[in-house]
Amino acid sequence: MSPADQPGPAVAPPPGSVVPPGSAVPLGSVVPLGSATPTGDGGEVRALPAWPIRSWSRRARLAGYLGVAALAVAGSAMIYLVDPAEPGHYPTCPFKLVTGLDCPGCGSMRGLHQLLHGHLGHAADYNILLIAAAPYLVIGWLVSTARLLGFAVRLPRVPASAYRAIPILVIAFWIVRNIPGPVGAWLHS
């Protein structure tokens, strides 16, 4: 019988240590997030096995990036050929169907159709957020792929606050485009 299996109070692991799988720690002890689960037999928890860390090869990552590109090209070709402004070709936005309000993505397919046909102004009328985000998405994919292929691509460092501002801007866009008035009417899809 190991010391951990002997009756008596369990001792909490030292701070910062990893709980070995299958070991018992007292309820209320600080353990790494997701590493323990209650056993239901008197207030102790059993450590879960650690998730395996998957390390993808360069070839597998490149295949994933090329798969994303293939899906983007196929989807863009479909949107280029079949106008989403004509009813019956594409499903309705579920949020708009239920609430009658625009979500942040409403108008993106119609905007992409106009953008692919070279009509930047019409695309902005449908969803200006798409016009703002599309260049960053394309550049991000190109830079990631170039780095994966071994090219040393340097970009200016983006402050962390900019990444925190993105969801705030999307939520603000979502709210403002559904407010009655001149700005809301302009942002409405």
Protein backbone atom coordinates (compact mmCIF):
# COMPACT_ATOMS: atom_id res chain seq x y z
CA MET A 1 0.00 0.00 0.00
CA SER A 2 1.50 3.33 -1.02
CA PRO A 3 1.49 6.34 1.35
CA ALA A 4 -1.17 8.03 -0.81
CA ASP A 5 -3.49 5.03 -0.39
CA GLN A 6 -3.19 4.93 3.44
CA PRO A 7 -6.10 6.30 5.44
CA GLY A 8 -5.76 9.75 6.90
CA PRO A 9 -5.85 13.29 5.61
CA ALA A 10 -4.41 13.80 2.14
CA VAL A 11 -1.68 16.38 1.80
CA ALA A 12 -2.08 19.14 -0.79
CA PRO A 13 0.64 19.29 -3.45
CA PRO A 14 3.13 22.14 -3.21
CA PRO A 15 2.15 25.25 -5.20
CA GLY A 16 3.19 25.09 -8.84
CA SER A 17 3.66 21.32 -8.83
CA VAL A 18 1.91 18.99 -11.24
CA VAL A 19 -0.42 16.41 -9.75
CA PRO A 20 0.52 12.94 -11.02
CA PRO A 21 -2.33 11.10 -12.76
CA GLY A 22 -4.34 8.94 -10.38
CA SER A 23 -3.12 10.60 -7.19
CA ALA A 24 -5.53 11.89 -4.55
CA VAL A 25 -5.53 15.47 -3.28
CA PRO A 26 -7.87 17.02 -0.71
CA LEU A 27 -10.94 18.88 -1.89
CA GLY A 28 -10.27 22.60 -2.04
CA SER A 29 -6.61 22.19 -2.92
CA VAL A 30 -5.25 24.24 -5.79
CA VAL A 31 -4.48 21.91 -8.67
CA PRO A 32 -3.77 22.76 -12.31
CA LEU A 33 -6.96 23.59 -14.22
CA GLY A 34 -8.50 20.49 -15.76
CA SER A 35 -6.08 18.12 -14.00
CA ALA A 36 -8.41 16.73 -11.33
CA THR A 37 -11.99 15.60 -10.95
CA PRO A 38 -14.15 14.83 -7.87
CA THR A 39 -14.43 11.13 -7.00
CA GLY A 40 -17.48 11.50 -4.80
CA ASP A 41 -16.05 9.33 -2.03
CA GLY A 42 -15.38 11.72 0.80
CA GLY A 43 -14.11 14.97 -0.62
CA GLU A 44 -10.96 14.02 -2.48
CA VAL A 45 -10.21 14.35 -6.14
CA ARG A 46 -8.31 12.12 -8.54
CA ALA A 47 -5.96 13.69 -11.04
CA LEU A 48 -6.88 13.23 -14.68
CA PRO A 49 -4.28 12.09 -17.18
CA ALA A 50 -2.64 14.98 -19.00
CA TRP A 51 -3.78 15.72 -22.54
CA PRO A 52 -1.20 14.67 -25.09
CA ILE A 53 0.48 17.57 -26.82
CA ARG A 54 0.33 17.09 -30.56
CA SER A 55 3.26 18.40 -32.55
CA TRP A 56 2.36 18.64 -36.22
CA SER A 57 5.05 18.26 -38.84
CA ARG A 58 5.79 21.10 -41.24
CA ARG A 59 4.24 19.10 -44.09
CA ALA A 60 1.02 18.52 -42.12
CA ARG A 61 0.77 22.20 -41.19
CA LEU A 62 1.36 23.22 -44.80
CA ALA A 63 -1.36 20.79 -45.90
CA GLY A 64 -3.71 22.44 -43.41
CA TYR A 65 -2.89 25.93 -44.67
CA LEU A 66 -3.37 24.82 -48.28
CA GLY A 67 -6.64 23.14 -47.32
CA VAL A 68 -7.87 26.42 -45.83
CA ALA A 69 -6.82 28.20 -49.04
CA ALA A 70 -8.63 25.64 -51.19
CA LEU A 71 -11.82 26.04 -49.14
CA ALA A 72 -11.55 29.83 -49.33
CA VAL A 73 -11.06 29.75 -53.11
CA ALA A 74 -13.94 27.29 -53.61
CA GLY A 75 -16.25 29.30 -51.35
CA SER A 76 -15.26 32.56 -53.03
CA ALA A 77 -15.85 31.03 -56.48
CA MET A 78 -19.33 29.92 -55.40
CA ILE A 79 -20.11 33.37 -53.99
CA TYR A 80 -18.68 35.03 -57.12
CA LEU A 81 -20.88 32.92 -59.43
CA VAL A 82 -24.10 32.77 -57.38
CA ASP A 83 -25.35 36.13 -56.09
CA PRO A 84 -26.28 35.89 -52.40
CA ALA A 85 -28.63 38.89 -52.80
CA GLU A 86 -31.01 36.67 -54.78
CA PRO A 87 -33.22 34.71 -52.37
CA GLY A 88 -33.15 30.92 -52.26
CA HIS A 89 -29.47 30.23 -52.89
CA TYR A 90 -28.03 30.51 -49.38
CA PRO A 91 -29.49 29.98 -45.90
CA THR A 92 -30.69 32.93 -43.85
CA CYS A 93 -28.61 34.06 -40.87
CA PRO A 94 -30.02 32.17 -37.84
CA PHE A 95 -29.65 35.21 -35.57
CA LYS A 96 -31.54 37.43 -38.02
CA LEU A 97 -34.16 34.73 -38.57
CA VAL A 98 -34.89 34.49 -34.84
CA THR A 99 -34.51 38.13 -33.75
CA GLY A 100 -34.93 40.19 -36.90
CA LEU A 101 -31.68 42.01 -36.05
CA ASP A 102 -28.38 41.96 -37.92
CA CYS A 103 -25.43 40.06 -36.45
CA PRO A 104 -21.86 41.32 -37.09
CA GLY A 105 -21.56 38.97 -40.07
CA CYS A 106 -24.88 39.78 -41.74
CA GLY A 107 -24.27 41.03 -45.27
CA SER A 108 -20.79 39.48 -45.49
CA MET A 109 -21.65 37.10 -48.32
CA ARG A 110 -23.37 39.83 -50.31
CA GLY A 111 -20.44 42.13 -49.54
CA LEU A 112 -17.92 39.48 -50.62
CA HIS A 113 -19.87 39.00 -53.86
CA GLN A 114 -19.63 42.72 -54.57
CA LEU A 115 -15.96 42.81 -53.51
CA LEU A 116 -15.08 39.93 -55.84
CA HIS A 117 -16.77 41.82 -58.68
CA GLY A 118 -14.69 44.94 -57.85
CA HIS A 119 -17.46 47.03 -56.29
CA LEU A 120 -15.82 48.20 -53.07
CA GLY A 121 -18.49 50.80 -52.25
CA HIS A 122 -21.35 48.32 -52.60
CA ALA A 123 -19.43 45.79 -50.51
CA ALA A 124 -19.02 48.40 -47.75
CA ASP A 125 -22.77 49.08 -47.89
CA TYR A 126 -23.47 45.44 -47.02
CA ASN A 127 -20.85 44.96 -44.28
CA ILE A 128 -18.06 47.44 -43.65
CA LEU A 129 -16.54 45.12 -41.04
CA LEU A 130 -15.79 42.64 -43.85
CA ILE A 131 -13.95 45.36 -45.78
CA ALA A 132 -11.90 46.19 -42.68
CA ALA A 133 -11.10 42.56 -41.76
CA ALA A 134 -10.48 40.98 -45.19
CA PRO A 135 -7.02 42.48 -45.82
CA TYR A 136 -5.82 41.41 -42.36
CA LEU A 137 -7.10 37.87 -42.88
CA VAL A 138 -5.39 37.55 -46.27
CA ILE A 139 -2.12 39.08 -45.06
CA GLY A 140 -2.18 36.89 -41.94
CA TRP A 141 -2.62 33.75 -44.03
CA LEU A 142 0.14 34.78 -46.47
CA VAL A 143 2.60 35.63 -43.68
CA SER A 144 1.87 32.40 -41.81
CA THR A 145 2.33 30.33 -44.95
CA ALA A 146 5.54 32.15 -45.89
CA ARG A 147 6.97 31.59 -42.39
CA LEU A 148 6.00 27.93 -42.58
CA LEU A 149 7.91 27.65 -45.85
CA GLY A 150 10.99 29.11 -44.17
CA PHE A 151 10.87 32.74 -45.30
CA ALA A 152 11.80 35.29 -42.66
CA VAL A 153 8.82 37.61 -42.80
CA ARG A 154 8.94 40.41 -40.27
CA LEU A 155 5.92 42.44 -39.30
CA PRO A 156 5.51 45.25 -36.81
CA ARG A 157 4.64 43.97 -33.35
CA VAL A 158 0.96 44.44 -32.54
CA PRO A 159 0.30 45.46 -28.93
CA ALA A 160 -1.81 43.08 -26.86
CA SER A 161 -4.36 45.85 -26.29
CA ALA A 162 -5.17 45.77 -30.01
CA TYR A 163 -6.16 42.12 -29.74
CA ARG A 164 -8.34 42.90 -26.74
CA ALA A 165 -10.00 45.73 -28.69
CA ILE A 166 -11.16 43.48 -31.55
CA PRO A 167 -14.07 41.81 -29.71
CA ILE A 168 -15.07 45.18 -28.24
CA LEU A 169 -15.17 46.73 -31.73
CA VAL A 170 -17.17 43.81 -33.12
CA ILE A 171 -19.72 44.05 -30.30
CA ALA A 172 -19.94 47.84 -30.74
CA PHE A 173 -20.48 47.36 -34.49
CA TRP A 174 -23.17 44.77 -33.70
CA ILE A 175 -25.01 47.17 -31.39
CA VAL A 176 -24.66 50.33 -33.50
CA ARG A 177 -25.82 48.67 -36.73
CA ASN A 178 -29.11 47.72 -35.04
CA ILE A 179 -29.83 51.17 -33.55
CA PRO A 180 -32.38 53.25 -35.48
CA GLY A 181 -31.00 56.44 -36.94
CA PRO A 182 -28.70 57.54 -39.73
CA VAL A 183 -25.60 55.62 -38.59
CA GLY A 184 -27.55 52.46 -37.81
CA ALA A 185 -29.34 52.67 -41.14
CA TRP A 186 -26.02 53.05 -42.97
CA LEU A 187 -24.45 50.07 -41.15
CA HIS A 188 -27.61 47.94 -41.48
CA SER A 189 -27.22 45.20 -44.05
